[in-house]
C-alpha atoms as a PDB file:
ATOM      1  CA  UNK A   1     -49.229  31.306  27.860  1.00  0.00           C
ATOM      2  CA  UNK A   2     -51.940  33.830  26.971  1.00  0.00           C
ATOM      3  CA  UNK A   3     -55.512  32.706  26.496  1.00  0.00           C
ATOM      4  CA  UNK A   4     -57.962  33.806  23.845  1.00  0.00           C
ATOM      5  CA  UNK A   5     -59.728  36.046  26.412  1.00  0.00           C
ATOM      6  CA  UNK A   6     -56.738  37.149  28.496  1.00  0.00           C
ATOM      7  CA  UNK A   7     -57.852  40.809  28.409  1.00  0.00           C
ATOM      8  CA  UNK A   8     -61.230  40.045  29.983  1.00  0.00           C
ATOM      9  CA  UNK A   9     -61.983  42.741  32.565  1.00  0.00           C
ATOM     10  CA  UNK A  10     -59.262  45.058  31.242  1.00  0.00           C
ATOM     11  CA  UNK A  11     -59.820  48.417  29.570  1.00  0.00           C
ATOM     12  CA  UNK A  12     -57.558  49.769  26.852  1.00  0.00           C
ATOM     13  CA  UNK A  13     -56.945  53.029  24.996  1.00  0.00           C
ATOM     14  CA  UNK A  14     -55.248  52.991  21.583  1.00  0.00           C
ATOM     15  CA  UNK A  15     -54.076  56.236  19.982  1.00  0.00           C
ATOM     16  CA  UNK A  16     -54.083  56.335  16.206  1.00  0.00           C
ATOM     17  CA  UNK A  17     -56.428  53.379  16.472  1.00  0.00           C
ATOM     18  CA  UNK A  18     -58.686  54.102  13.497  1.00  0.00           C
ATOM     19  CA  UNK A  19     -56.332  52.899  10.757  1.00  0.00           C
ATOM     20  CA  UNK A  20     -53.315  50.727   9.989  1.00  0.00           C
ATOM     21  CA  UNK A  21     -51.413  49.209  12.900  1.00  0.00           C
ATOM     22  CA  UNK A  22     -53.560  51.021  15.467  1.00  0.00           C
ATOM     23  CA  UNK A  23     -56.794  49.574  14.091  1.00  0.00           C
ATOM     24  CA  UNK A  24     -55.247  46.096  14.047  1.00  0.00           C
ATOM     25  CA  UNK A  25     -54.232  46.523  17.704  1.00  0.00           C
ATOM     26  CA  UNK A  26     -57.671  47.769  18.739  1.00  0.00           C
ATOM     27  CA  UNK A  27     -59.365  44.896  16.899  1.00  0.00           C
ATOM     28  CA  UNK A  28     -57.139  42.277  18.518  1.00  0.00           C
ATOM     29  CA  UNK A  29     -57.508  43.644  22.059  1.00  0.00           C
ATOM     30  CA  UNK A  30     -61.271  43.746  21.578  1.00  0.00           C
ATOM     31  CA  UNK A  31     -61.299  40.136  20.341  1.00  0.00           C
ATOM     32  CA  UNK A  32     -59.293  39.073  23.391  1.00  0.00           C
ATOM     33  CA  UNK A  33     -61.834  40.518  25.817  1.00  0.00           C
ATOM     34  CA  UNK A  34     -60.820  44.118  26.470  1.00  0.00           C
ATOM     35  CA  UNK A  35     -63.043  47.145  26.346  1.00  0.00           C
ATOM     36  CA  UNK A  36     -61.241  49.395  23.882  1.00  0.00           C
ATOM     37  CA  UNK A  37     -61.304  53.124  23.273  1.00  0.00           C
ATOM     38  CA  UNK A  38     -59.766  54.545  20.103  1.00  0.00           C
ATOM     39  CA  UNK A  39     -58.295  58.047  20.170  1.00  0.00           C
ATOM     40  CA  UNK A  40     -57.791  59.447  16.685  1.00  0.00           C
ATOM     41  CA  UNK A  41     -58.147  62.760  14.884  1.00  0.00           C
ATOM     42  CA  UNK A  42     -60.329  60.919  12.328  1.00  0.00           C
ATOM     43  CA  UNK A  43     -62.374  58.182  13.971  1.00  0.00           C
ATOM     44  CA  UNK A  44     -64.145  57.092  10.782  1.00  0.00           C
ATOM     45  CA  UNK A  45     -62.194  53.844  10.624  1.00  0.00           C
ATOM     46  CA  UNK A  46     -62.450  52.949  14.305  1.00  0.00           C
ATOM     47  CA  UNK A  47     -63.155  49.208  14.604  1.00  0.00           C
ATOM     48  CA  UNK A  48     -66.741  48.261  15.372  1.00  0.00           C
ATOM     49  CA  UNK A  49     -67.294  47.792  19.070  1.00  0.00           C
ATOM     50  CA  UNK A  50     -64.702  50.332  20.180  1.00  0.00           C
ATOM     51  CA  UNK A  51     -65.369  53.649  21.894  1.00  0.00           C
ATOM     52  CA  UNK A  52     -64.340  56.255  19.307  1.00  0.00           C
ATOM     53  CA  UNK A  53     -62.874  59.463  20.765  1.00  0.00           C
ATOM     54  CA  UNK A  54     -61.897  62.268  18.423  1.00  0.00           C
ATOM     55  CA  UNK A  55     -58.699  64.047  19.447  1.00  0.00           C
ATOM     56  CA  UNK A  56     -55.422  65.215  17.920  1.00  0.00           C
ATOM     57  CA  UNK A  57     -52.360  64.183  19.929  1.00  0.00           C
ATOM     58  CA  UNK A  58     -50.860  67.643  19.365  1.00  0.00           C
ATOM     59  CA  UNK A  59     -53.689  69.155  21.442  1.00  0.00           C
ATOM     60  CA  UNK A  60     -53.001  68.597  25.142  1.00  0.00           C
ATOM     61  CA  UNK A  61     -56.494  69.583  26.289  1.00  0.00           C
ATOM     62  CA  UNK A  62     -58.123  67.290  23.732  1.00  0.00           C
ATOM     63  CA  UNK A  63     -55.901  64.368  24.745  1.00  0.00           C
ATOM     64  CA  UNK A  64     -56.736  64.887  28.416  1.00  0.00           C
ATOM     65  CA  UNK A  65     -60.456  65.047  27.655  1.00  0.00           C
ATOM     66  CA  UNK A  66     -60.319  61.847  25.594  1.00  0.00           C
ATOM     67  CA  UNK A  67     -58.252  59.896  28.137  1.00  0.00           C
ATOM     68  CA  UNK A  68     -60.523  61.015  30.978  1.00  0.00           C
ATOM     69  CA  UNK A  69     -63.605  60.131  28.921  1.00  0.00           C
ATOM     70  CA  UNK A  70     -62.320  56.602  28.301  1.00  0.00           C
ATOM     71  CA  UNK A  71     -61.551  56.091  31.988  1.00  0.00           C
ATOM     72  CA  UNK A  72     -64.960  57.461  32.985  1.00  0.00           C
ATOM     73  CA  UNK A  73     -66.832  55.320  30.454  1.00  0.00           C
ATOM     74  CA  UNK A  74     -65.038  52.107  31.410  1.00  0.00           C
ATOM     75  CA  UNK A  75     -64.552  52.809  35.111  1.00  0.00           C
ATOM     76  CA  UNK A  76     -60.802  52.225  34.957  1.00  0.00           C
ATOM     77  CA  UNK A  77     -57.920  52.252  32.501  1.00  0.00           C
ATOM     78  CA  UNK A  78     -55.404  49.387  32.457  1.00  0.00           C
ATOM     79  CA  UNK A  79     -53.702  49.460  29.079  1.00  0.00           C
ATOM     80  CA  UNK A  80     -52.540  52.348  26.921  1.00  0.00           C
ATOM     81  CA  UNK A  81     -51.127  51.776  23.461  1.00  0.00           C
ATOM     82  CA  UNK A  82     -49.489  54.947  22.184  1.00  0.00           C
ATOM     83  CA  UNK A  83     -49.434  54.374  18.464  1.00  0.00           C
ATOM     84  CA  UNK A  84     -50.303  57.672  16.741  1.00  0.00           C
ATOM     85  CA  UNK A  85     -47.495  58.883  14.520  1.00  0.00           C
ATOM     86  CA  UNK A  86     -46.506  60.111  11.089  1.00  0.00           C
ATOM     87  CA  UNK A  87     -43.617  59.492   8.721  1.00  0.00           C
ATOM     88  CA  UNK A  88     -41.100  61.731   7.031  1.00  0.00           C
ATOM     89  CA  UNK A  89     -38.776  61.242   4.081  1.00  0.00           C
ATOM     90  CA  UNK A  90     -35.440  62.942   3.487  1.00  0.00           C
ATOM     91  CA  UNK A  91     -31.891  63.504   4.641  1.00  0.00           C
ATOM     92  CA  UNK A  92     -30.978  66.050   7.294  1.00  0.00           C
ATOM     93  CA  UNK A  93     -30.671  68.658   4.518  1.00  0.00           C
ATOM     94  CA  UNK A  94     -34.174  68.114   3.146  1.00  0.00           C
ATOM     95  CA  UNK A  95     -36.742  68.750   5.883  1.00  0.00           C
ATOM     96  CA  UNK A  96     -37.369  72.357   7.007  1.00  0.00           C
ATOM     97  CA  UNK A  97     -37.678  73.332  10.660  1.00  0.00           C
ATOM     98  CA  UNK A  98     -41.467  73.431  10.599  1.00  0.00           C
ATOM     99  CA  UNK A  99     -41.591  69.803   9.444  1.00  0.00           C
ATOM    100  CA  UNK A 100     -39.156  68.795  12.198  1.00  0.00           C
ATOM    101  CA  UNK A 101     -41.363  70.536  14.749  1.00  0.00           C
ATOM    102  CA  UNK A 102     -44.512  68.895  13.382  1.00  0.00           C
ATOM    103  CA  UNK A 103     -43.126  65.335  13.299  1.00  0.00           C
ATOM    104  CA  UNK A 104     -41.549  65.583  16.752  1.00  0.00           C
ATOM    105  CA  UNK A 105     -44.750  67.139  18.109  1.00  0.00           C
ATOM    106  CA  UNK A 106     -46.808  64.178  16.901  1.00  0.00           C
ATOM    107  CA  UNK A 107     -44.371  61.273  17.260  1.00  0.00           C
ATOM    108  CA  UNK A 108     -42.743  62.209  20.568  1.00  0.00           C
ATOM    109  CA  UNK A 109     -44.808  64.841  22.366  1.00  0.00           C
ATOM    110  CA  UNK A 110     -47.996  63.036  21.339  1.00  0.00           C
ATOM    111  CA  UNK A 111     -46.833  60.076  23.412  1.00  0.00           C
ATOM    112  CA  UNK A 112     -45.808  62.381  26.255  1.00  0.00           C
ATOM    113  CA  UNK A 113     -49.246  63.991  26.345  1.00  0.00           C
ATOM    114  CA  UNK A 114     -51.005  60.635  26.242  1.00  0.00           C
ATOM    115  CA  UNK A 115     -48.896  59.238  29.088  1.00  0.00           C
ATOM    116  CA  UNK A 116     -49.129  62.451  31.123  1.00  0.00           C
ATOM    117  CA  UNK A 117     -52.901  62.150  31.332  1.00  0.00           C
ATOM    118  CA  UNK A 118     -53.124  58.344  31.437  1.00  0.00           C
ATOM    119  CA  UNK A 119     -50.636  57.683  34.246  1.00  0.00           C
ATOM    120  CA  UNK A 120     -52.919  58.908  37.072  1.00  0.00           C
ATOM    121  CA  UNK A 121     -55.612  56.479  35.902  1.00  0.00           C
ATOM    122  CA  UNK A 122     -53.092  53.667  35.461  1.00  0.00           C
ATOM    123  CA  UNK A 123     -51.709  54.190  38.978  1.00  0.00           C
ATOM    124  CA  UNK A 124     -55.168  53.645  40.432  1.00  0.00           C
ATOM    125  CA  UNK A 125     -55.748  50.544  38.313  1.00  0.00           C
ATOM    126  CA  UNK A 126     -52.368  49.011  39.210  1.00  0.00           C
ATOM    127  CA  UNK A 127     -53.412  48.533  42.824  1.00  0.00           C
ATOM    128  CA  UNK A 128     -56.261  46.251  41.748  1.00  0.00           C
ATOM    129  CA  UNK A 129     -54.644  44.427  38.819  1.00  0.00           C
ATOM    130  CA  UNK A 130     -50.914  43.932  39.479  1.00  0.00           C
ATOM    131  CA  UNK A 131     -48.996  43.006  36.337  1.00  0.00           C
ATOM    132  CA  UNK A 132     -51.905  43.973  34.090  1.00  0.00           C
ATOM    133  CA  UNK A 133     -51.273  47.724  33.802  1.00  0.00           C
ATOM    134  CA  UNK A 134     -49.069  48.935  30.995  1.00  0.00           C
ATOM    135  CA  UNK A 135     -48.118  51.459  28.359  1.00  0.00           C
ATOM    136  CA  UNK A 136     -46.897  50.121  25.027  1.00  0.00           C
ATOM    137  CA  UNK A 137     -45.498  52.562  22.464  1.00  0.00           C
ATOM    138  CA  UNK A 138     -45.024  52.082  18.731  1.00  0.00           C
ATOM    139  CA  UNK A 139     -41.381  52.758  17.935  1.00  0.00           C
ATOM    140  CA  UNK A 140     -39.521  51.577  14.797  1.00  0.00           C
ATOM    141  CA  UNK A 141     -36.503  49.774  13.408  1.00  0.00           C
ATOM    142  CA  UNK A 142     -35.431  53.325  12.508  1.00  0.00           C
ATOM    143  CA  UNK A 143     -34.523  53.803  16.186  1.00  0.00           C
ATOM    144  CA  UNK A 144     -31.834  51.132  16.056  1.00  0.00           C
ATOM    145  CA  UNK A 145     -30.682  50.976  12.420  1.00  0.00           C
ATOM    146  CA  UNK A 146     -29.430  53.687  10.094  1.00  0.00           C
ATOM    147  CA  UNK A 147     -31.925  53.888   7.240  1.00  0.00           C
ATOM    148  CA  UNK A 148     -31.403  56.130   4.197  1.00  0.00           C
ATOM    149  CA  UNK A 149     -33.735  59.078   3.642  1.00  0.00           C
ATOM    150  CA  UNK A 150     -35.213  58.849   7.144  1.00  0.00           C
ATOM    151  CA  UNK A 151     -33.224  61.386   9.224  1.00  0.00           C
ATOM    152  CA  UNK A 152     -36.201  63.146  10.794  1.00  0.00           C
ATOM    153  CA  UNK A 153     -38.291  60.022  11.243  1.00  0.00           C
ATOM    154  CA  UNK A 154     -35.343  58.149  12.771  1.00  0.00           C
ATOM    155  CA  UNK A 155     -34.639  60.994  15.197  1.00  0.00           C
ATOM    156  CA  UNK A 156     -38.256  60.932  16.382  1.00  0.00           C
ATOM    157  CA  UNK A 157     -38.260  57.168  16.884  1.00  0.00           C
ATOM    158  CA  UNK A 158     -34.886  57.228  18.629  1.00  0.00           C
ATOM    159  CA  UNK A 159     -36.496  59.627  21.073  1.00  0.00           C
ATOM    160  CA  UNK A 160     -39.419  57.222  21.528  1.00  0.00           C
ATOM    161  CA  UNK A 161     -37.028  54.396  22.401  1.00  0.00           C
ATOM    162  CA  UNK A 162     -35.237  56.495  25.025  1.00  0.00           C
ATOM    163  CA  UNK A 163     -38.558  57.810  26.329  1.00  0.00           C
ATOM    164  CA  UNK A 164     -39.811  54.252  26.756  1.00  0.00           C
ATOM    165  CA  UNK A 165     -36.808  53.264  28.857  1.00  0.00           C
ATOM    166  CA  UNK A 166     -37.030  56.391  31.029  1.00  0.00           C
ATOM    167  CA  UNK A 167     -40.758  55.924  31.600  1.00  0.00           C
ATOM    168  CA  UNK A 168     -40.226  52.271  32.494  1.00  0.00           C
ATOM    169  CA  UNK A 169     -37.747  53.325  35.189  1.00  0.00           C
ATOM    170  CA  UNK A 170     -40.019  56.068  36.483  1.00  0.00           C
ATOM    171  CA  UNK A 171     -43.136  53.936  36.856  1.00  0.00           C
ATOM    172  CA  UNK A 172     -42.011  50.356  37.559  1.00  0.00           C
ATOM    173  CA  UNK A 173     -42.536  50.746  41.306  1.00  0.00           C
ATOM    174  CA  UNK A 174     -46.027  52.081  40.671  1.00  0.00           C
ATOM    175  CA  UNK A 175     -46.963  48.844  38.931  1.00  0.00           C
ATOM    176  CA  UNK A 176     -47.000  50.364  35.433  1.00  0.00           C
ATOM    177  CA  UNK A 177     -44.995  48.482  32.822  1.00  0.00           C
ATOM    178  CA  UNK A 178     -43.684  50.462  29.823  1.00  0.00           C
ATOM    179  CA  UNK A 179     -42.432  48.826  26.631  1.00  0.00           C
ATOM    180  CA  UNK A 180     -42.291  49.489  22.912  1.00  0.00           C
ATOM    181  CA  UNK A 181     -42.487  47.560  19.665  1.00  0.00           C
ATOM    182  CA  UNK A 182     -40.037  48.238  16.847  1.00  0.00           C
ATOM    183  CA  UNK A 183     -41.655  47.271  13.538  1.00  0.00           C
ATOM    184  CA  UNK A 184     -39.678  46.996  10.352  1.00  0.00           C
ATOM    185  CA  UNK A 185     -41.281  48.351   7.196  1.00  0.00           C
ATOM    186  CA  UNK A 186     -44.941  47.511   7.660  1.00  0.00           C
ATOM    187  CA  UNK A 187     -47.664  47.210   5.060  1.00  0.00           C
ATOM    188  CA  UNK A 188     -49.665  50.232   6.222  1.00  0.00           C
ATOM    189  CA  UNK A 189     -51.590  53.061   4.543  1.00  0.00           C
ATOM    190  CA  UNK A 190     -48.620  55.428   5.073  1.00  0.00           C
ATOM    191  CA  UNK A 191     -46.218  53.058   3.310  1.00  0.00           C
ATOM    192  CA  UNK A 192     -48.813  52.654   0.576  1.00  0.00           C
ATOM    193  CA  UNK A 193     -48.912  56.423   0.044  1.00  0.00           C
ATOM    194  CA  UNK A 194     -45.117  56.507   0.038  1.00  0.00           C
ATOM    195  CA  UNK A 195     -45.015  53.814  -2.631  1.00  0.00           C
ATOM    196  CA  UNK A 196     -47.590  55.651  -4.732  1.00  0.00           C
ATOM    197  CA  UNK A 197     -45.226  58.636  -4.919  1.00  0.00           C
ATOM    198  CA  UNK A 198     -42.323  56.540  -6.228  1.00  0.00           C
ATOM    199  CA  UNK A 199     -41.529  56.532  -9.986  1.00  0.00           C
ATOM    200  CA  UNK A 200     -41.949  52.734  -9.976  1.00  0.00           C
ATOM    201  CA  UNK A 201     -44.153  51.706  -7.010  1.00  0.00           C
ATOM    202  CA  UNK A 202     -43.745  47.974  -7.599  1.00  0.00           C
ATOM    203  CA  UNK A 203     -39.964  48.219  -7.761  1.00  0.00           C
ATOM    204  CA  UNK A 204     -39.928  50.335  -4.593  1.00  0.00           C
ATOM    205  CA  UNK A 205     -42.150  47.817  -2.776  1.00  0.00           C
ATOM    206  CA  UNK A 206     -39.800  45.012  -3.834  1.00  0.00           C
ATOM    207  CA  UNK A 207     -36.797  47.001  -2.562  1.00  0.00           C
ATOM    208  CA  UNK A 208     -38.451  47.637   0.818  1.00  0.00           C
ATOM    209  CA  UNK A 209     -39.355  43.962   1.142  1.00  0.00           C
ATOM    210  CA  UNK A 210     -35.854  42.831   0.143  1.00  0.00           C
ATOM    211  CA  UNK A 211     -34.098  44.849   2.843  1.00  0.00           C
ATOM    212  CA  UNK A 212     -35.855  42.744   5.496  1.00  0.00           C
ATOM    213  CA  UNK A 213     -34.177  39.332   5.821  1.00  0.00           C
ATOM    214  CA  UNK A 214     -37.590  37.656   5.767  1.00  0.00           C
ATOM    215  CA  UNK A 215     -38.060  39.089   2.276  1.00  0.00           C
ATOM    216  CA  UNK A 216     -41.445  40.686   2.902  1.00  0.00           C
ATOM    217  CA  UNK A 217     -43.108  43.618   4.611  1.00  0.00           C
ATOM    218  CA  UNK A 218     -44.347  43.231   8.170  1.00  0.00           C
ATOM    219  CA  UNK A 219     -48.108  42.809   8.573  1.00  0.00           C
ATOM    220  CA  UNK A 220     -50.106  45.132  10.807  1.00  0.00           C
ATOM    221  CA  UNK A 221     -51.594  42.063  12.500  1.00  0.00           C
ATOM    222  CA  UNK A 222     -48.085  40.850  13.368  1.00  0.00           C
ATOM    223  CA  UNK A 223     -47.273  44.126  15.098  1.00  0.00           C
ATOM    224  CA  UNK A 224     -50.629  43.954  16.891  1.00  0.00           C
ATOM    225  CA  UNK A 225     -49.799  40.481  18.204  1.00  0.00           C
ATOM    226  CA  UNK A 226     -46.526  41.775  19.669  1.00  0.00           C
ATOM    227  CA  UNK A 227     -48.305  44.711  21.308  1.00  0.00           C
ATOM    228  CA  UNK A 228     -50.941  42.394  22.744  1.00  0.00           C
ATOM    229  CA  UNK A 229     -48.227  40.222  24.290  1.00  0.00           C
ATOM    230  CA  UNK A 230     -46.458  43.191  25.907  1.00  0.00           C
ATOM    231  CA  UNK A 231     -49.767  44.533  27.238  1.00  0.00           C
ATOM    232  CA  UNK A 232     -51.077  41.180  28.450  1.00  0.00           C
ATOM    233  CA  UNK A 233     -50.845  39.669  31.934  1.00  0.00           C
ATOM    234  CA  UNK A 234     -48.509  37.062  30.402  1.00  0.00           C
ATOM    235  CA  UNK A 235     -45.858  39.816  30.201  1.00  0.00           C
ATOM    236  CA  UNK A 236     -46.160  40.800  33.876  1.00  0.00           C
ATOM    237  CA  UNK A 237     -42.354  40.592  34.273  1.00  0.00           C
ATOM    238  CA  UNK A 238     -41.586  42.543  31.083  1.00  0.00           C
ATOM    239  CA  UNK A 239     -40.811  46.257  31.275  1.00  0.00           C
ATOM    240  CA  UNK A 240     -38.268  48.522  29.608  1.00  0.00           C
ATOM    241  CA  UNK A 241     -38.182  46.222  26.583  1.00  0.00           C
ATOM    242  CA  UNK A 242     -38.122  47.023  22.872  1.00  0.00           C
ATOM    243  CA  UNK A 243     -39.570  44.095  20.923  1.00  0.00           C
ATOM    244  CA  UNK A 244     -38.456  44.015  17.290  1.00  0.00           C
ATOM    245  CA  UNK A 245     -41.047  42.891  14.748  1.00  0.00           C
ATOM    246  CA  UNK A 246     -38.899  43.498  11.716  1.00  0.00           C
ATOM    247  CA  UNK A 247     -38.326  40.317   9.742  1.00  0.00           C
ATOM    248  CA  UNK A 248     -34.802  40.128  11.169  1.00  0.00           C
ATOM    249  CA  UNK A 249     -33.588  43.615  10.205  1.00  0.00           C
ATOM    250  CA  UNK A 250     -32.192  44.466  13.625  1.00  0.00           C
ATOM    251  CA  UNK A 251     -30.130  41.377  14.315  1.00  0.00           C
ATOM    252  CA  UNK A 252     -29.481  39.393  11.138  1.00  0.00           C
ATOM    253  CA  UNK A 253     -26.690  39.888   8.606  1.00  0.00           C
ATOM    254  CA  UNK A 254     -27.311  37.493   5.751  1.00  0.00           C
ATOM    255  CA  UNK A 255     -24.917  36.745   2.922  1.00  0.00           C
ATOM    256  CA  UNK A 256     -26.207  37.879  -0.496  1.00  0.00           C
ATOM    257  CA  UNK A 257     -28.440  35.302  -2.134  1.00  0.00           C
ATOM    258  CA  UNK A 258     -26.819  33.426  -5.001  1.00  0.00           C
END
């Protein structure tokens, strides 16, 4: 079982950590004893007590500088949470090539860049803290379920799922665990903006909640708790795993309510 301070002595970097799920993750890791750096293109919402590092995950040089700065400031890097990402709405006929390039650049290559520059630091840390060194990536239920109007987004998150498994295989013998979380529809600022664009936002929110067997949206704090488990020493034997936090969307098939 994890303790309230199970990240004591561990240092973490969270991308996209200044809002939504990322901010919830950074806040929880900080509360559980970690030193936490937040990498975000807008650090205005970075939780108090974190090291705020401004960088865009589409900029390889900026990502390297931020990762190296976090490792230098803390002395070591044990935990990376690759969370930065954006959404997209539409069928395969709706999104132009430039939008495909942009979403894949952020959602997939952003994680590649982060890992590329973090792995050397994580390798060094793994020798001192076996079982405590990890990369956890924010994936989505869209990687494992066919959702309408999400062709581009689903393709990007399917790539994240496969990337997670490949990275887990590549780095397991180096002492670096790699996992991902697959949230269902979460109550985040992006979903809020999506709802605001709907003709009837309340009806759309109700429809999104109803498609999850639990009957409600997933909370950012619930996703953060799953990430904290995967990153914690309690999960020392867990790698190559996708943990669904989706109100039952992935596995349950309920009969219609009477």
